[in-house]
């Protein structure tokens, strides 16, 4: 394991421990899901400067970070939200259960993007070369690809995760439900494109299903 990523993981682990203490009163599945969300947030904090070109790109760190996000997404995430688990300290909204299918779609979408993010890590900040007859021959009219970020625009982790004062407006095709997007090999995309999609999915989920902004 690379030293710089070892340090990043240690920092994230200490942050999770600190937040666990801050979640005073949370117990059981509520505490478990809070720690999972915190782990994803801290991973985004480590990777965001890399995705924005502020620090050198490290494919190994990206792949490891993507694995952390994937490990807390999808069915794992859904299993931590049993119906009625709103007691005590929690940021969950009751809409999670009244709109369960939408919540489930977002959780599975996050897993889809995170898995692709891990595989696309070697692509760096540029998409992988496409073979002839691949995406070049596809109809892209129905694909809502994320736009290039504004020059010199830096989003905070809170903004990327959807609980900052200003959440970036990022149109993203839903990988879990959009047929046009399902036809695309997500692993051929640039790593920062997939990171943007992950951030937009988190932002969408937080705006609908999370109470509070901290």
Protein backbone atom coordinates (compact mmCIF):
# COMPACT_ATOMS: atom_id res chain seq x y z
CA UNK A 1 0.00 0.00 0.00
CA UNK A 2 1.35 3.42 -0.89
CA UNK A 3 2.47 5.54 2.09
CA UNK A 4 0.38 8.57 1.12
CA UNK A 5 -2.79 6.47 0.89
CA UNK A 6 -1.97 4.74 4.15
CA UNK A 7 -1.87 8.16 5.75
CA UNK A 8 -5.14 9.13 4.11
CA UNK A 9 -6.83 5.99 5.38
CA UNK A 10 -5.48 6.62 8.89
CA UNK A 11 -6.83 10.16 8.75
CA UNK A 12 -10.22 8.93 7.56
CA UNK A 13 -10.30 6.27 10.28
CA UNK A 14 -9.54 8.83 12.97
CA UNK A 15 -12.25 11.09 11.56
CA UNK A 16 -14.76 8.24 11.68
CA UNK A 17 -13.83 7.59 15.32
CA UNK A 18 -14.24 11.28 16.14
CA UNK A 19 -17.62 11.45 14.46
CA UNK A 20 -18.71 8.28 16.25
CA UNK A 21 -18.08 10.10 19.50
CA UNK A 22 -19.92 13.16 18.16
CA UNK A 23 -22.93 10.96 17.38
CA UNK A 24 -23.64 10.73 21.07
CA UNK A 25 -26.89 8.91 21.60
CA UNK A 26 -26.88 7.04 18.27
CA UNK A 27 -26.87 3.27 18.71
CA UNK A 28 -27.12 0.09 16.71
CA UNK A 29 -28.03 0.36 13.05
CA UNK A 30 -28.36 4.16 13.24
CA UNK A 31 -24.78 4.54 14.47
CA UNK A 32 -23.57 2.01 11.91
CA UNK A 33 -25.10 3.89 8.99
CA UNK A 34 -23.83 7.22 10.33
CA UNK A 35 -20.30 5.83 10.39
CA UNK A 36 -20.74 4.49 6.86
CA UNK A 37 -21.86 7.88 5.58
CA UNK A 38 -18.95 9.51 7.37
CA UNK A 39 -16.50 7.07 5.76
CA UNK A 40 -17.83 7.99 2.31
CA UNK A 41 -17.68 11.70 3.10
CA UNK A 42 -14.08 11.44 4.28
CA UNK A 43 -13.16 9.48 1.14
CA UNK A 44 -14.64 12.22 -1.01
CA UNK A 45 -12.59 14.73 0.99
CA UNK A 46 -9.39 12.82 0.17
CA UNK A 47 -10.21 12.40 -3.53
CA UNK A 48 -11.81 15.77 -4.35
CA UNK A 49 -8.53 17.75 -4.67
CA UNK A 50 -7.19 15.04 -6.97
CA UNK A 51 -10.29 15.11 -9.16
CA UNK A 52 -10.08 18.92 -9.37
CA UNK A 53 -6.40 18.87 -10.34
CA UNK A 54 -5.23 20.53 -7.13
CA UNK A 55 -2.92 17.63 -6.20
CA UNK A 56 -1.17 14.96 -8.30
CA UNK A 57 -3.39 12.12 -9.50
CA UNK A 58 -2.87 8.75 -7.79
CA UNK A 59 -4.66 5.86 -9.51
CA UNK A 60 -4.09 3.51 -6.57
CA UNK A 61 -5.64 5.97 -4.12
CA UNK A 62 -8.60 6.49 -6.44
CA UNK A 63 -9.21 2.76 -6.77
CA UNK A 64 -8.99 2.25 -3.00
CA UNK A 65 -11.27 5.20 -2.32
CA UNK A 66 -13.80 3.97 -4.87
CA UNK A 67 -13.81 0.64 -3.06
CA UNK A 68 -14.68 2.38 0.21
CA UNK A 69 -17.65 4.12 -1.42
CA UNK A 70 -18.81 0.95 -3.16
CA UNK A 71 -18.57 -0.95 0.11
CA UNK A 72 -21.09 1.37 1.75
CA UNK A 73 -23.48 1.71 -1.22
CA UNK A 74 -26.12 -0.51 -2.81
CA UNK A 75 -27.62 -3.33 -0.76
CA UNK A 76 -25.23 -2.63 2.12
CA UNK A 77 -26.65 0.85 2.49
CA UNK A 78 -30.25 -0.35 2.17
CA UNK A 79 -29.74 -2.97 4.88
CA UNK A 80 -28.92 -0.17 7.35
CA UNK A 81 -32.30 1.50 6.91
CA UNK A 82 -34.84 -0.94 8.36
CA UNK A 83 -38.30 0.53 8.39
CA UNK A 84 -39.00 2.84 11.31
CA UNK A 85 -35.36 3.35 12.36
CA UNK A 86 -35.86 7.03 13.15
CA UNK A 87 -35.41 6.89 16.90
CA UNK A 88 -32.58 8.71 18.67
CA UNK A 89 -29.92 10.72 16.82
CA UNK A 90 -30.45 10.35 13.08
CA UNK A 91 -30.41 12.50 9.97
CA UNK A 92 -32.74 10.15 8.10
CA UNK A 93 -36.07 11.52 6.91
CA UNK A 94 -39.27 9.46 6.93
CA UNK A 95 -39.45 9.95 3.15
CA UNK A 96 -36.84 7.20 2.88
CA UNK A 97 -39.54 4.64 3.61
CA UNK A 98 -42.47 6.36 1.92
CA UNK A 99 -40.36 6.72 -1.26
CA UNK A 100 -38.34 3.57 -0.75
CA UNK A 101 -37.94 2.69 -4.44
CA UNK A 102 -36.41 6.08 -5.22
CA UNK A 103 -34.04 5.73 -2.28
CA UNK A 104 -33.12 2.20 -3.36
CA UNK A 105 -32.47 3.36 -6.93
CA UNK A 106 -30.07 6.03 -5.68
CA UNK A 107 -28.26 3.56 -3.42
CA UNK A 108 -27.84 1.10 -6.29
CA UNK A 109 -26.82 3.88 -8.67
CA UNK A 110 -24.10 4.93 -6.24
CA UNK A 111 -22.81 1.34 -6.18
CA UNK A 112 -22.82 1.18 -9.98
CA UNK A 113 -20.81 4.38 -10.30
CA UNK A 114 -18.41 3.48 -7.47
CA UNK A 115 -17.63 0.06 -8.97
CA UNK A 116 -16.95 1.70 -12.34
CA UNK A 117 -14.88 4.39 -10.62
CA UNK A 118 -12.59 1.72 -9.16
CA UNK A 119 -12.04 0.12 -12.57
CA UNK A 120 -11.64 3.45 -14.33
CA UNK A 121 -8.95 4.68 -11.92
CA UNK A 122 -6.13 4.01 -14.45
CA UNK A 123 -7.89 6.30 -16.96
CA UNK A 124 -6.90 9.35 -14.94
CA UNK A 125 -8.61 12.60 -15.78
CA UNK A 126 -9.06 11.62 -19.43
CA UNK A 127 -11.45 8.98 -20.82
CA UNK A 128 -9.97 5.70 -22.01
CA UNK A 129 -9.45 5.38 -25.81
CA UNK A 130 -12.49 3.91 -27.54
CA UNK A 131 -12.14 1.02 -30.03
CA UNK A 132 -13.60 1.43 -33.49
CA UNK A 133 -17.27 0.59 -33.61
CA UNK A 134 -17.63 1.33 -29.89
CA UNK A 135 -19.17 4.49 -28.50
CA UNK A 136 -18.44 6.36 -31.74
CA UNK A 137 -21.26 4.48 -33.44
CA UNK A 138 -23.79 5.03 -30.69
CA UNK A 139 -26.65 7.49 -30.56
CA UNK A 140 -25.70 9.89 -27.76
CA UNK A 141 -28.79 12.07 -28.06
CA UNK A 142 -30.41 10.60 -24.94
CA UNK A 143 -27.28 10.73 -22.79
CA UNK A 144 -26.99 13.54 -20.26
CA UNK A 145 -23.23 13.55 -19.81
CA UNK A 146 -21.84 15.69 -17.02
CA UNK A 147 -20.44 19.00 -18.33
CA UNK A 148 -16.84 20.03 -17.93
CA UNK A 149 -16.35 21.84 -14.62
CA UNK A 150 -15.96 25.60 -14.76
CA UNK A 151 -12.38 26.78 -14.97
CA UNK A 152 -10.80 27.19 -11.54
CA UNK A 153 -14.11 26.25 -9.83
CA UNK A 154 -13.48 24.32 -6.64
CA UNK A 155 -16.38 22.66 -4.84
CA UNK A 156 -16.13 21.97 -1.13
CA UNK A 157 -16.80 18.47 0.17
CA UNK A 158 -20.06 19.72 1.71
CA UNK A 159 -21.16 21.05 -1.67
CA UNK A 160 -20.20 17.84 -3.46
CA UNK A 161 -22.05 15.71 -0.93
CA UNK A 162 -25.17 17.87 -1.10
CA UNK A 163 -25.31 19.49 2.32
CA UNK A 164 -23.34 22.67 1.77
CA UNK A 165 -24.73 26.14 1.31
CA UNK A 166 -24.24 25.88 -2.46
CA UNK A 167 -24.76 22.55 -4.15
CA UNK A 168 -23.37 22.34 -7.71
CA UNK A 169 -26.01 21.78 -10.37
CA UNK A 170 -24.72 18.74 -12.23
CA UNK A 171 -27.05 17.06 -14.74
CA UNK A 172 -26.26 13.35 -14.57
CA UNK A 173 -27.76 10.44 -16.45
CA UNK A 174 -29.12 7.88 -14.03
CA UNK A 175 -26.91 4.84 -14.52
CA UNK A 176 -29.35 2.54 -12.75
CA UNK A 177 -32.39 3.40 -14.83
CA UNK A 178 -31.45 5.23 -18.04
CA UNK A 179 -31.27 2.71 -20.95
CA UNK A 180 -28.90 4.95 -22.91
CA UNK A 181 -26.50 5.12 -19.98
CA UNK A 182 -26.68 1.36 -19.42
CA UNK A 183 -25.38 0.92 -22.98
CA UNK A 184 -22.20 2.83 -22.11
CA UNK A 185 -19.22 1.06 -20.59
CA UNK A 186 -18.79 3.31 -17.56
CA UNK A 187 -15.25 2.02 -17.03
CA UNK A 188 -14.16 3.88 -20.18
CA UNK A 189 -15.02 7.27 -18.68
CA UNK A 190 -12.54 9.62 -17.06
CA UNK A 191 -12.20 9.12 -13.32
CA UNK A 192 -13.27 12.69 -12.59
CA UNK A 193 -16.42 12.18 -14.70
CA UNK A 194 -17.41 9.23 -12.53
CA UNK A 195 -16.49 11.15 -9.38
CA UNK A 196 -18.83 13.93 -10.54
CA UNK A 197 -21.61 11.37 -11.03
CA UNK A 198 -21.00 9.92 -7.58
CA UNK A 199 -21.14 13.40 -6.05
CA UNK A 200 -24.36 14.21 -7.92
CA UNK A 201 -25.96 10.97 -6.74
CA UNK A 202 -25.01 11.73 -3.13
CA UNK A 203 -26.32 15.28 -3.55
CA UNK A 204 -29.64 14.04 -4.95
CA UNK A 205 -30.04 11.56 -2.10
CA UNK A 206 -29.16 14.07 0.62
CA UNK A 207 -31.47 16.73 -0.75
CA UNK A 208 -34.43 14.36 -0.59
CA UNK A 209 -33.72 12.01 2.26
CA UNK A 210 -31.36 13.69 4.73
CA UNK A 211 -32.28 16.16 7.46
CA UNK A 212 -29.67 18.69 8.54
CA UNK A 213 -26.62 20.15 6.82
CA UNK A 214 -23.69 18.98 8.96
